[in-house]
Amino acid sequence: MTILKSPLMRILPDGAAASIRSSLTRTGSFALVGLIAFVVDVGVYNLLRLTLLDDKPIGAKVISVVVATVVAWMGNRLLTFRDARTRPLLQEAGLFAAANLLGLGASALCLVVSHYVLGFTSALADNISGNVIGLALGTVVRYVAYRHVVFRPSSTTRPTPAVAQPPSIEGDASSASNATGTSPHNPSLLPSKVSA
């Protein structure tokens, strides 16, 4: 049984259940795209290190990160946030790059604090702070930035909520009056209470 078809989802109001389903689907898609980008990063890096850039690890890493970032952008653009693409292509790409720099900064900050402030200088400590805690924090920062900045629908294209109209009494409610000469839409025209 999946969580999307669990008994809990059946007892929730339709709107809440749909919102949870949408969030879970988006989060799963984001994780899948991230995993693919990670594999591309590691694969391109190692391919370059074994062939063209065998003595240039930094250059290989820069190229692999750029390729993985493009893969992540396309995957998130076409899959995870496909229903929220309203920005011009170059603006979206620039915001995506900025969001990735924020994620990198969050990840690097964990390593700086652990290594230089707290004094945990072993390779294990650096890996835990940079590749576990930093990776998790950077992922959260990127997801929030993608969801609320990069792929957020612009304010001019957001759908406006429908305004419910009161039911008409006889014919067209906006121009008709009922038998007492009052309008169902204007409370000031309602008859006043008569006391006995």
Protein backbone atom coordinates (compact mmCIF):
# COMPACT_ATOMS: atom_id res chain seq x y z
CA MET A 1 0.00 0.00 0.00
CA THR A 2 1.41 3.38 -0.92
CA ILE A 3 0.96 6.47 1.20
CA LEU A 4 -0.99 8.07 -1.65
CA LYS A 5 -3.73 5.42 -1.27
CA SER A 6 -3.55 4.95 2.50
CA PRO A 7 -6.62 5.10 4.78
CA LEU A 8 -5.32 8.42 6.12
CA MET A 9 -5.60 9.98 2.66
CA ARG A 10 -9.22 8.77 2.40
CA ILE A 11 -10.31 10.48 5.63
CA LEU A 12 -8.78 13.84 4.74
CA PRO A 13 -10.86 16.46 2.92
CA ASP A 14 -10.37 16.30 -0.85
CA GLY A 15 -8.37 19.55 -0.97
CA ALA A 16 -5.97 18.46 1.79
CA ALA A 17 -5.49 15.00 0.30
CA ALA A 18 -4.80 16.49 -3.14
CA SER A 19 -2.32 18.95 -1.66
CA ILE A 20 -0.47 16.20 0.19
CA ARG A 21 -0.42 14.01 -2.93
CA SER A 22 0.93 16.90 -4.98
CA SER A 23 3.64 17.69 -2.40
CA LEU A 24 4.72 14.05 -2.15
CA THR A 25 4.84 13.67 -5.92
CA ARG A 26 6.84 16.89 -6.30
CA THR A 27 9.26 15.90 -3.52
CA GLY A 28 9.77 12.44 -5.02
CA SER A 29 10.37 13.92 -8.45
CA PHE A 30 12.85 16.43 -6.98
CA ALA A 31 14.72 13.58 -5.27
CA LEU A 32 14.84 11.53 -8.48
CA VAL A 33 16.15 14.48 -10.52
CA GLY A 34 18.74 15.16 -7.80
CA LEU A 35 19.87 11.54 -7.82
CA ILE A 36 20.27 11.59 -11.60
CA ALA A 37 22.23 14.87 -11.41
CA PHE A 38 24.45 13.36 -8.69
CA VAL A 39 25.21 10.32 -10.86
CA VAL A 40 25.99 12.63 -13.80
CA ASP A 41 28.30 14.73 -11.60
CA VAL A 42 30.24 11.73 -10.31
CA GLY A 43 30.28 10.02 -13.72
CA VAL A 44 31.47 13.04 -15.70
CA TYR A 45 34.07 13.86 -13.05
CA ASN A 46 35.54 10.36 -13.09
CA LEU A 47 35.38 10.13 -16.89
CA LEU A 48 37.30 13.40 -17.21
CA ARG A 49 39.81 12.37 -14.50
CA LEU A 50 40.49 9.11 -16.31
CA THR A 51 40.82 10.66 -19.77
CA LEU A 52 41.20 14.31 -20.77
CA LEU A 53 41.88 15.93 -17.38
CA ASP A 54 43.78 13.20 -15.55
CA ASP A 55 46.06 15.74 -13.82
CA LYS A 56 43.46 18.50 -13.30
CA PRO A 57 40.93 17.43 -10.64
CA ILE A 58 39.58 20.95 -10.04
CA GLY A 59 38.88 21.53 -13.73
CA ALA A 60 37.22 18.13 -13.97
CA LYS A 61 35.04 18.93 -10.96
CA VAL A 62 34.00 22.35 -12.30
CA ILE A 63 32.98 20.81 -15.63
CA SER A 64 31.12 17.92 -13.95
CA VAL A 65 29.21 20.31 -11.67
CA VAL A 66 28.21 22.51 -14.62
CA VAL A 67 26.98 19.49 -16.60
CA ALA A 68 25.10 18.13 -13.55
CA THR A 69 23.54 21.55 -12.90
CA VAL A 70 22.22 21.71 -16.47
CA VAL A 71 20.80 18.18 -16.06
CA ALA A 72 19.17 19.19 -12.75
CA TRP A 73 17.71 22.36 -14.27
CA MET A 74 16.22 20.50 -17.23
CA GLY A 75 14.86 17.72 -15.00
CA ASN A 76 13.30 20.11 -12.51
CA ARG A 77 12.00 22.35 -15.28
CA LEU A 78 10.43 19.55 -17.32
CA LEU A 79 9.40 17.17 -14.54
CA THR A 80 9.30 18.46 -10.97
CA PHE A 81 8.03 22.00 -11.59
CA ARG A 82 6.54 21.59 -15.06
CA ASP A 83 3.29 23.27 -14.01
CA ALA A 84 5.04 26.38 -12.68
CA ARG A 85 7.20 27.48 -15.60
CA THR A 86 6.16 31.07 -16.26
CA ARG A 87 9.44 32.98 -16.33
CA PRO A 88 11.46 33.72 -19.45
CA LEU A 89 14.05 31.01 -20.11
CA LEU A 90 17.15 33.10 -19.34
CA GLN A 91 15.65 34.57 -16.17
CA GLU A 92 14.73 31.09 -14.97
CA ALA A 93 18.23 29.78 -15.77
CA GLY A 94 19.84 32.68 -13.89
CA LEU A 95 17.63 32.16 -10.84
CA PHE A 96 18.35 28.42 -10.96
CA ALA A 97 22.10 29.11 -10.99
CA ALA A 98 21.71 31.54 -8.07
CA ALA A 99 19.69 28.94 -6.12
CA ASN A 100 22.45 26.39 -6.70
CA LEU A 101 25.06 28.85 -5.46
CA LEU A 102 22.96 29.35 -2.30
CA GLY A 103 22.80 25.57 -1.86
CA LEU A 104 26.57 25.32 -2.36
CA GLY A 105 27.07 28.12 0.18
CA ALA A 106 24.91 26.34 2.76
CA SER A 107 26.81 23.11 2.21
CA ALA A 108 30.22 24.79 2.37
CA LEU A 109 29.19 26.72 5.49
CA CYS A 110 28.65 23.43 7.32
CA LEU A 111 32.19 22.37 6.42
CA VAL A 112 33.69 25.73 7.43
CA VAL A 113 31.95 25.69 10.81
CA SER A 114 32.90 22.07 11.50
CA HIS A 115 36.51 22.31 10.32
CA TYR A 116 37.58 25.82 11.29
CA VAL A 117 35.23 26.89 14.10
CA LEU A 118 34.64 23.62 15.94
CA GLY A 119 38.05 22.12 15.11
CA PHE A 120 36.83 18.78 13.70
CA THR A 121 39.60 18.31 11.14
CA SER A 122 39.62 14.58 10.39
CA ALA A 123 38.62 13.28 6.98
CA LEU A 124 35.62 11.57 8.57
CA ALA A 125 34.47 14.80 10.23
CA ASP A 126 34.90 16.73 6.97
CA ASN A 127 32.86 14.11 5.10
CA ILE A 128 30.09 14.11 7.67
CA SER A 129 29.84 17.90 7.80
CA GLY A 130 30.25 18.47 4.06
CA ASN A 131 28.69 15.41 2.46
CA VAL A 132 25.98 14.50 4.97
CA ILE A 133 24.87 17.56 6.93
CA GLY A 134 25.96 20.03 4.25
CA LEU A 135 24.38 18.03 1.45
CA ALA A 136 21.10 17.78 3.36
CA LEU A 137 21.03 21.50 4.23
CA GLY A 138 22.02 22.49 0.69
CA THR A 139 19.26 20.29 -0.73
CA VAL A 140 16.63 21.91 1.50
CA VAL A 141 17.86 25.40 0.54
CA ARG A 142 17.75 24.52 -3.18
CA TYR A 143 14.28 22.96 -2.97
CA VAL A 144 12.83 25.98 -1.16
CA ALA A 145 14.50 28.36 -3.62
CA TYR A 146 13.29 26.35 -6.64
CA ARG A 147 9.75 26.06 -5.29
CA HIS A 148 9.26 29.63 -4.12
CA VAL A 149 11.57 31.67 -6.37
CA VAL A 150 12.79 29.95 -9.52
CA PHE A 151 9.65 28.06 -10.53
CA ARG A 152 7.06 30.22 -8.77
CA PRO A 153 4.38 31.50 -11.09
CA SER A 154 4.67 35.24 -11.56
CA SER A 155 2.06 37.34 -9.79
CA THR A 156 0.48 38.41 -13.09
CA THR A 157 -0.16 34.84 -14.20
CA ARG A 158 -1.58 33.41 -11.01
CA PRO A 159 -5.16 32.35 -11.40
CA THR A 160 -7.59 34.50 -9.49
CA PRO A 161 -9.96 32.63 -7.23
CA ALA A 162 -13.52 32.42 -8.43
CA VAL A 163 -15.93 34.59 -6.49
CA ALA A 164 -19.10 32.78 -5.55
CA GLN A 165 -22.24 34.57 -6.65
CA PRO A 166 -25.35 34.36 -4.47
CA PRO A 167 -28.16 32.33 -5.99
CA SER A 168 -30.70 34.30 -7.93
CA ILE A 169 -34.26 34.44 -6.64
CA GLU A 170 -36.18 35.18 -9.82
CA GLY A 171 -34.34 35.38 -13.11
CA ASP A 172 -31.25 37.59 -13.15
CA ALA A 173 -30.38 38.28 -9.50
CA SER A 174 -28.19 41.26 -10.34
CA SER A 175 -31.06 43.36 -11.66
CA ALA A 176 -34.20 41.76 -10.33
CA SER A 177 -36.05 42.70 -7.18
CA ASN A 178 -38.26 40.35 -5.30
CA ALA A 179 -41.95 40.93 -4.66
CA THR A 180 -41.30 43.30 -1.72
CA GLY A 181 -39.17 45.61 -3.85
CA THR A 182 -35.92 44.62 -2.13
CA SER A 183 -32.72 43.43 -3.74
CA PRO A 184 -31.17 40.15 -2.59
CA HIS A 185 -27.68 41.72 -3.01
CA ASN A 186 -28.11 44.97 -1.10
CA PRO A 187 -28.73 44.60 2.65
CA SER A 188 -29.71 48.26 3.00
CA LEU A 189 -32.78 47.58 0.84
CA LEU A 190 -33.97 44.67 2.99
CA PRO A 191 -37.22 45.37 4.88
CA SER A 192 -36.69 46.38 8.47
CA LYS A 193 -37.97 44.19 11.29
CA VAL A 194 -41.40 45.07 12.53
CA SER A 195 -41.83 44.74 16.28
CA ALA A 196 -45.09 43.46 17.62
